[in-house]
């Protein structure tokens, strides 16, 4: 498994740059994918790709986050990586993090459908206003490189984004992008939003009737099971709740299949885990990762860490549950079957002192031993 992306080194070039990417943005961001410090800094290939799916070789569409901070073309910066859909973990302050969903909606909008001649400067101005408020920014040598910035167009974009984009979650099945927030690890440099194909994970919670940890034909899904998405922020290997909890959902019926769940709008390169709570009516979780097929095995109650790549939908994170009898008993008699017919006939006496062992049918572990009595 590759290492999670928590930190990148990047540089940018101001627009226009016809030798680089293919859609308009405020500038281009370059994240090296090979270098002598590759293994240590980990910019990694998870970010490879742009909105139209074309491999970009380290170049990404970028947007200025803060209109009051500077950035220099060709300079390398050290930045931490954040997802806009983890509000409890976002750095800094003073900006409206609640509008990051609307900004992601805007950057997925096909501008050709607006009936307006929108340029990148107007999109950038709308982003600034949704983050920081105040008067619209419509002047400046950078923002007007592709033409005048119209206040009417900016207001139009803000209005549509904050209404239609409220609560927007990028969907990998729709080919959406998500923004990664690159935030300075120190100093007062410019934070940057870059466009990355979004990712997702999810699949199935099911009744593992035979408790073998494998999804067999005829074993039904379980609706209403609670599934939690989390990140191990303190690296202690434990789910601590609080800010480590990113999202929670319930399994449901999708396309005729019970037990379905999914977490979408995930940022490639970050490390995620899934926790499955025991559903009502069940008291045991299936054996983990039995059978060798990740698509059919069980990963509960807590999955291994998952690092998604750009555009990936990991459908292998599942969990089975079953009912283990509680306060139950079994036993009977060991006897001398004189006529060897397998039937306890009158006058056939029990045999005392015979050792009887009880084994777990899944692990074959010895559960307990006893001896027959004189009866």
Protein backbone atom coordinates (compact mmCIF):
# COMPACT_ATOMS: atom_id res chain seq x y z
CA UNK A 1 0.00 0.00 0.00
CA UNK A 2 1.29 3.46 -0.84
CA UNK A 3 1.77 6.11 1.81
CA UNK A 4 -0.93 8.72 2.45
CA UNK A 5 -0.44 12.22 1.10
CA UNK A 6 -0.26 14.62 4.02
CA UNK A 7 2.28 17.06 2.61
CA UNK A 8 3.34 18.23 -0.86
CA UNK A 9 5.90 20.46 -2.46
CA UNK A 10 4.49 22.42 -5.37
CA UNK A 11 5.06 25.35 -7.68
CA UNK A 12 2.70 27.19 -10.00
CA UNK A 13 2.59 29.05 -13.31
CA UNK A 14 0.30 31.95 -13.98
CA UNK A 15 -2.29 31.65 -16.77
CA UNK A 16 -2.28 31.46 -19.74
CA UNK A 17 -0.01 28.42 -20.26
CA UNK A 18 -1.04 26.61 -23.46
CA UNK A 19 1.56 23.86 -22.98
CA UNK A 20 -0.08 22.59 -19.79
CA UNK A 21 -3.69 21.84 -18.93
CA UNK A 22 -6.87 21.83 -20.89
CA UNK A 23 -9.51 23.83 -19.02
CA UNK A 24 -9.48 27.34 -17.64
CA UNK A 25 -8.37 28.00 -14.10
CA UNK A 26 -6.63 30.80 -12.28
CA UNK A 27 -3.20 29.12 -12.56
CA UNK A 28 -1.51 25.74 -12.95
CA UNK A 29 -0.01 23.88 -9.99
CA UNK A 30 2.83 21.43 -10.44
CA UNK A 31 3.35 18.61 -7.91
CA UNK A 32 6.48 16.55 -8.72
CA UNK A 33 5.81 12.85 -9.07
CA UNK A 34 9.43 11.77 -9.21
CA UNK A 35 12.36 13.29 -7.40
CA UNK A 36 15.16 12.33 -4.98
CA UNK A 37 12.86 13.05 -2.02
CA UNK A 38 9.88 11.10 -3.40
CA UNK A 39 9.59 8.51 -0.64
CA UNK A 40 9.99 11.06 2.14
CA UNK A 41 7.69 13.87 1.05
CA UNK A 42 5.16 11.63 -0.69
CA UNK A 43 3.51 13.90 -3.31
CA UNK A 44 2.71 10.59 -5.01
CA UNK A 45 0.74 9.62 -8.08
CA UNK A 46 -2.67 9.50 -6.39
CA UNK A 47 -3.25 13.06 -7.57
CA UNK A 48 -2.51 12.27 -11.22
CA UNK A 49 -5.30 13.37 -13.50
CA UNK A 50 -7.42 16.40 -14.27
CA UNK A 51 -11.13 17.08 -14.68
CA UNK A 52 -11.42 15.53 -18.11
CA UNK A 53 -9.56 12.38 -17.04
CA UNK A 54 -6.40 13.10 -19.01
CA UNK A 55 -3.17 12.31 -17.20
CA UNK A 56 -1.44 15.58 -16.46
CA UNK A 57 2.02 14.41 -15.43
CA UNK A 58 1.97 16.41 -12.21
CA UNK A 59 0.11 19.53 -13.43
CA UNK A 60 -3.24 20.47 -11.91
CA UNK A 61 -5.82 23.17 -12.31
CA UNK A 62 -5.39 25.61 -9.43
CA UNK A 63 -7.40 28.36 -7.77
CA UNK A 64 -6.31 31.07 -5.37
CA UNK A 65 -7.82 30.62 -1.89
CA UNK A 66 -7.07 33.97 -0.25
CA UNK A 67 -7.16 37.23 -2.26
CA UNK A 68 -5.06 38.97 0.38
CA UNK A 69 -1.99 36.73 0.20
CA UNK A 70 0.65 36.52 -2.50
CA UNK A 71 2.20 33.68 -4.47
CA UNK A 72 5.18 33.75 -6.84
CA UNK A 73 5.39 32.00 -10.19
CA UNK A 74 8.04 29.29 -10.40
CA UNK A 75 8.65 29.21 -6.63
CA UNK A 76 8.39 25.90 -4.72
CA UNK A 77 6.23 25.82 -1.60
CA UNK A 78 5.72 23.33 1.25
CA UNK A 79 2.01 22.75 1.85
CA UNK A 80 -0.16 20.43 3.96
CA UNK A 81 -3.10 18.68 2.27
CA UNK A 82 -6.73 18.93 3.47
CA UNK A 83 -10.11 17.81 2.21
CA UNK A 84 -12.84 20.50 1.99
CA UNK A 85 -15.31 17.86 3.23
CA UNK A 86 -13.65 17.50 6.64
CA UNK A 87 -14.65 20.82 8.23
CA UNK A 88 -13.44 19.87 11.70
CA UNK A 89 -9.88 19.46 10.40
CA UNK A 90 -9.57 22.52 8.16
CA UNK A 91 -6.76 24.92 9.08
CA UNK A 92 -6.77 28.67 9.53
CA UNK A 93 -9.88 30.73 10.02
CA UNK A 94 -11.83 33.78 8.99
CA UNK A 95 -13.17 32.19 5.80
CA UNK A 96 -16.57 30.58 5.21
CA UNK A 97 -15.74 26.85 5.14
CA UNK A 98 -19.47 26.17 4.80
CA UNK A 99 -19.31 27.34 1.18
CA UNK A 100 -16.64 24.86 0.10
CA UNK A 101 -19.39 22.50 -1.09
CA UNK A 102 -20.76 25.30 -3.29
CA UNK A 103 -17.28 25.97 -4.66
CA UNK A 104 -16.89 22.30 -5.54
CA UNK A 105 -20.26 22.44 -7.29
CA UNK A 106 -19.12 25.50 -9.27
CA UNK A 107 -15.90 23.82 -10.40
CA UNK A 108 -17.94 20.85 -11.66
CA UNK A 109 -20.35 23.09 -13.55
CA UNK A 110 -20.15 23.00 -17.33
CA UNK A 111 -19.84 26.74 -17.96
CA UNK A 112 -20.96 26.32 -21.56
CA UNK A 113 -24.46 25.52 -20.28
CA UNK A 114 -24.86 28.87 -18.51
CA UNK A 115 -25.63 30.88 -21.63
CA UNK A 116 -22.99 33.38 -20.51
CA UNK A 117 -19.44 34.03 -21.64
CA UNK A 118 -17.87 33.13 -18.29
CA UNK A 119 -14.09 33.47 -17.99
CA UNK A 120 -11.73 32.07 -15.37
CA UNK A 121 -11.36 35.43 -13.64
CA UNK A 122 -15.09 35.53 -12.92
CA UNK A 123 -14.96 32.03 -11.45
CA UNK A 124 -12.00 33.05 -9.28
CA UNK A 125 -13.81 36.16 -8.09
CA UNK A 126 -16.87 34.07 -7.16
CA UNK A 127 -14.65 31.68 -5.18
CA UNK A 128 -13.09 34.54 -3.24
CA UNK A 129 -16.46 36.05 -2.42
CA UNK A 130 -17.96 32.75 -1.25
CA UNK A 131 -14.96 32.25 1.04
CA UNK A 132 -14.38 35.74 2.35
CA UNK A 133 -17.42 37.87 1.53
CA UNK A 134 -17.04 41.61 1.08
CA UNK A 135 -17.03 43.57 -2.16
CA UNK A 136 -16.58 41.67 -5.42
CA UNK A 137 -13.03 41.68 -6.78
CA UNK A 138 -13.21 42.49 -10.48
CA UNK A 139 -9.91 44.23 -11.23
CA UNK A 140 -6.25 43.25 -11.21
CA UNK A 141 -3.72 42.19 -13.84
CA UNK A 142 -3.97 38.47 -13.06
CA UNK A 143 -7.72 38.13 -12.78
CA UNK A 144 -8.39 39.98 -16.04
CA UNK A 145 -5.91 38.12 -18.28
CA UNK A 146 -8.76 36.42 -20.14
CA UNK A 147 -10.96 39.48 -20.36
CA UNK A 148 -12.91 41.86 -18.13
CA UNK A 149 -14.47 40.45 -14.97
CA UNK A 150 -18.19 41.20 -15.02
CA UNK A 151 -19.87 41.85 -11.66
CA UNK A 152 -23.10 40.51 -13.12
CA UNK A 153 -21.46 37.23 -14.12
CA UNK A 154 -19.76 36.86 -10.73
CA UNK A 155 -23.05 37.53 -8.92
CA UNK A 156 -24.76 34.98 -11.17
CA UNK A 157 -22.15 32.32 -10.32
CA UNK A 158 -22.38 33.03 -6.59
CA UNK A 159 -26.18 32.84 -6.65
CA UNK A 160 -26.33 29.54 -8.50
CA UNK A 161 -23.48 27.99 -6.51
CA UNK A 162 -24.86 28.83 -3.07
CA UNK A 163 -28.35 27.63 -3.96
CA UNK A 164 -27.84 24.64 -6.27
CA UNK A 165 -24.49 23.72 -4.74
CA UNK A 166 -25.53 23.77 -1.10
CA UNK A 167 -24.79 20.28 0.24
CA UNK A 168 -23.11 19.18 -2.99
CA UNK A 169 -20.91 16.06 -2.71
CA UNK A 170 -18.71 15.13 -5.69
CA UNK A 171 -19.71 11.77 -7.17
CA UNK A 172 -17.04 9.57 -8.73
CA UNK A 173 -19.74 7.80 -10.76
CA UNK A 174 -20.56 11.16 -12.37
CA UNK A 175 -16.91 11.92 -13.15
CA UNK A 176 -16.76 14.81 -10.69
CA UNK A 177 -13.66 16.52 -9.41
CA UNK A 178 -12.99 17.49 -5.81
CA UNK A 179 -10.75 20.29 -4.60
CA UNK A 180 -7.74 19.55 -2.42
CA UNK A 181 -6.79 22.43 -0.15
CA UNK A 182 -3.01 22.96 -0.07
CA UNK A 183 -2.37 25.04 3.02
CA UNK A 184 1.02 26.48 4.02
CA UNK A 185 2.79 24.54 6.75
CA UNK A 186 4.33 27.81 7.93
CA UNK A 187 4.51 31.47 6.98
CA UNK A 188 1.88 33.61 5.32
CA UNK A 189 1.94 32.26 1.77
CA UNK A 190 -1.12 31.73 -0.41
CA UNK A 191 -3.26 28.60 0.19
CA UNK A 192 -4.33 26.91 -3.03
CA UNK A 193 -7.25 24.78 -4.21
CA UNK A 194 -6.38 22.18 -6.87
CA UNK A 195 -8.79 20.05 -8.90
CA UNK A 196 -8.46 16.27 -8.43
CA UNK A 197 -10.82 13.49 -9.61
CA UNK A 198 -12.84 12.50 -6.55
CA UNK A 199 -12.92 9.02 -5.01
CA UNK A 200 -15.36 6.85 -3.04
CA UNK A 201 -15.63 3.62 -1.07
CA UNK A 202 -18.39 1.34 0.14
CA UNK A 203 -20.30 -1.82 -0.60
CA UNK A 204 -22.20 -4.27 1.54
CA UNK A 205 -23.22 -5.35 5.05
CA UNK A 206 -24.75 -8.82 5.07
CA UNK A 207 -26.12 -11.69 7.19
CA UNK A 208 -23.34 -14.26 7.17
CA UNK A 209 -25.60 -17.23 7.83
CA UNK A 210 -22.82 -19.83 7.98
CA UNK A 211 -20.41 -17.46 9.78
CA UNK A 212 -17.59 -18.23 7.35
CA UNK A 213 -16.71 -14.60 6.50
CA UNK A 214 -17.56 -15.03 2.80
CA UNK A 215 -20.51 -13.56 0.91
CA UNK A 216 -22.32 -16.68 -0.29
CA UNK A 217 -25.21 -16.84 -2.75
CA UNK A 218 -28.49 -16.32 -0.95
CA UNK A 219 -27.05 -14.47 2.06
CA UNK A 220 -29.09 -11.29 2.35
CA UNK A 221 -27.93 -7.74 3.03
CA UNK A 222 -28.77 -6.01 6.31
CA UNK A 223 -30.54 -2.64 6.10
CA UNK A 224 -30.25 -0.04 8.84
CA UNK A 225 -26.71 -0.98 9.91
CA UNK A 226 -24.56 1.94 11.06
CA UNK A 227 -21.30 2.48 9.16
CA UNK A 228 -18.74 5.12 10.20
CA UNK A 229 -15.99 6.67 8.06
CA UNK A 230 -12.98 7.82 10.09
CA UNK A 231 -9.29 8.74 9.99
CA UNK A 232 -6.71 7.71 12.59
CA UNK A 233 -5.38 11.21 13.18
CA UNK A 234 -3.23 10.34 16.19
CA UNK A 235 -1.91 7.10 14.64
CA UNK A 236 -2.80 5.04 17.71
CA UNK A 237 -4.64 2.37 15.70
CA UNK A 238 -7.88 3.09 17.57
CA UNK A 239 -11.10 4.88 16.70
CA UNK A 240 -11.33 7.74 19.20
CA UNK A 241 -14.47 9.46 17.91
CA UNK A 242 -14.46 13.25 17.99
CA UNK A 243 -12.65 14.79 15.05
CA UNK A 244 -11.59 11.33 13.82
CA UNK A 245 -15.20 10.66 12.82
CA UNK A 246 -15.74 12.07 9.34
CA UNK A 247 -19.17 10.71 8.39
CA UNK A 248 -21.82 8.17 9.34
CA UNK A 249 -24.47 6.45 7.25
CA UNK A 250 -27.02 3.63 7.40
CA UNK A 251 -27.15 0.73 4.96
CA UNK A 252 -30.17 0.67 2.65
CA UNK A 253 -31.64 -1.02 -0.39
CA UNK A 254 -30.13 0.08 -3.69
CA UNK A 255 -31.25 -1.37 -7.01
CA UNK A 256 -32.91 -4.28 -5.24
CA UNK A 257 -29.94 -5.15 -3.00
CA UNK A 258 -30.23 -4.69 0.75
CA UNK A 259 -27.26 -3.72 2.89
CA UNK A 260 -25.69 -1.15 0.57
CA UNK A 261 -23.65 1.83 1.77
CA UNK A 262 -21.21 4.31 0.21
CA UNK A 263 -19.08 7.28 1.21
CA UNK A 264 -18.51 9.69 -1.67
CA UNK A 265 -16.68 12.99 -2.02
CA UNK A 266 -13.42 11.49 -0.73
CA UNK A 267 -10.03 13.01 -1.45
CA UNK A 268 -7.54 10.65 -3.12
CA UNK A 269 -4.29 10.23 -1.26
CA UNK A 270 -5.75 10.56 2.24
CA UNK A 271 -5.98 7.52 4.53
CA UNK A 272 -9.48 6.37 5.49
CA UNK A 273 -10.93 3.56 7.60
CA UNK A 274 -14.44 2.16 8.03
CA UNK A 275 -16.07 1.02 11.27
CA UNK A 276 -19.13 -1.25 11.21
CA UNK A 277 -21.41 -1.23 14.25
CA UNK A 278 -23.16 -4.50 15.10
CA UNK A 279 -26.73 -4.28 13.69
CA UNK A 280 -29.79 -4.89 15.84
CA UNK A 281 -30.63 -8.58 16.02
CA UNK A 282 -27.04 -9.72 15.58
CA UNK A 283 -24.32 -10.35 18.16
CA UNK A 284 -21.24 -11.52 16.27
CA UNK A 285 -19.07 -10.20 13.41
CA UNK A 286 -17.74 -12.48 10.70
CA UNK A 287 -14.11 -13.64 10.52
CA UNK A 288 -11.96 -11.01 8.80
CA UNK A 289 -10.57 -11.41 5.29
CA UNK A 290 -11.31 -15.11 4.86
CA UNK A 291 -11.15 -16.83 1.49
CA UNK A 292 -8.66 -14.59 -0.31
CA UNK A 293 -11.16 -12.55 -2.39
CA UNK A 294 -11.41 -8.93 -1.14
CA UNK A 295 -14.68 -8.44 -3.05
CA UNK A 296 -16.37 -11.26 -1.12
CA UNK A 297 -14.71 -11.28 2.29
CA UNK A 298 -15.53 -9.40 5.51
CA UNK A 299 -13.48 -6.44 6.78
CA UNK A 300 -15.38 -5.63 9.98
CA UNK A 301 -15.64 -4.55 12.63
CA UNK A 302 -12.86 -2.10 11.60
CA UNK A 303 -11.33 -2.11 8.13
CA UNK A 304 -7.66 -1.80 7.33
CA UNK A 305 -6.55 1.71 6.27
CA UNK A 306 -7.53 2.53 2.68
CA UNK A 307 -5.77 5.04 0.42
CA UNK A 308 -7.80 5.79 -2.69
CA UNK A 309 -6.44 6.94 -6.03
CA UNK A 310 -7.96 9.64 -8.22
CA UNK A 311 -11.26 8.47 -9.70
CA UNK A 312 -11.32 5.21 -7.71
CA UNK A 313 -14.45 3.64 -6.20
CA UNK A 314 -13.31 0.89 -3.83
CA UNK A 315 -16.23 -1.56 -3.54
CA UNK A 316 -14.46 -4.16 -1.40
CA UNK A 317 -15.01 -2.79 2.13
CA UNK A 318 -17.72 -5.12 3.49
CA UNK A 319 -18.75 -6.69 6.78
CA UNK A 320 -20.74 -9.78 7.67
CA UNK A 321 -22.65 -10.36 10.90
CA UNK A 322 -24.37 -13.43 12.30
CA UNK A 323 -26.22 -14.67 15.39
CA UNK A 324 -24.12 -16.66 17.84
CA UNK A 325 -26.30 -18.57 20.34
CA UNK A 326 -25.99 -17.22 23.86
CA UNK A 327 -26.71 -19.15 27.08
CA UNK A 328 -27.29 -22.27 25.02
CA UNK A 329 -26.33 -25.83 25.93
CA UNK A 330 -25.81 -29.11 24.16
CA UNK A 331 -25.14 -32.65 25.24
CA UNK A 332 -26.74 -36.03 25.89
CA UNK A 333 -25.37 -39.51 26.39
CA UNK A 334 -22.51 -41.82 25.52
CA UNK A 335 -23.70 -45.41 25.69
CA UNK A 336 -22.78 -48.99 24.84
CA UNK A 337 -24.65 -49.76 21.62
CA UNK A 338 -24.71 -53.54 22.08
CA UNK A 339 -26.53 -54.28 18.82
CA UNK A 340 -24.64 -51.57 16.86
CA UNK A 341 -27.85 -50.14 15.38
CA UNK A 342 -27.25 -46.51 16.42
CA UNK A 343 -30.40 -46.48 18.55
CA UNK A 344 -30.46 -46.21 22.34
CA UNK A 345 -32.34 -49.38 23.21
CA UNK A 346 -33.73 -50.32 26.59
CA UNK A 347 -31.07 -51.88 28.74
CA UNK A 348 -28.12 -50.30 26.89
CA UNK A 349 -26.19 -48.55 29.65
CA UNK A 350 -24.26 -45.30 29.60
CA UNK A 351 -20.45 -45.23 29.70
CA UNK A 352 -18.86 -43.08 32.39
CA UNK A 353 -15.51 -41.29 32.15
CA UNK A 354 -15.47 -40.67 28.38
CA UNK A 355 -13.77 -37.37 27.39
CA UNK A 356 -16.00 -35.11 25.24
CA UNK A 357 -14.42 -32.04 23.52
CA UNK A 358 -16.25 -29.00 22.12
CA UNK A 359 -14.66 -27.14 19.16
CA UNK A 360 -15.38 -23.81 17.43
CA UNK A 361 -16.67 -24.75 13.98
CA UNK A 362 -15.03 -21.68 12.39
CA UNK A 363 -11.57 -21.64 13.94
CA UNK A 364 -11.40 -25.32 15.04
CA UNK A 365 -10.18 -24.05 18.41
CA UNK A 366 -10.94 -26.17 21.47
CA UNK A 367 -13.72 -24.44 23.42
CA UNK A 368 -13.98 -26.86 26.37
CA UNK A 369 -13.83 -30.46 27.60
CA UNK A 370 -15.91 -32.60 29.97
CA UNK A 371 -16.37 -36.23 31.06
CA UNK A 372 -19.44 -38.41 30.95
CA UNK A 373 -20.93 -39.44 34.27
CA UNK A 374 -22.25 -42.80 35.37
CA UNK A 375 -25.67 -42.15 33.80
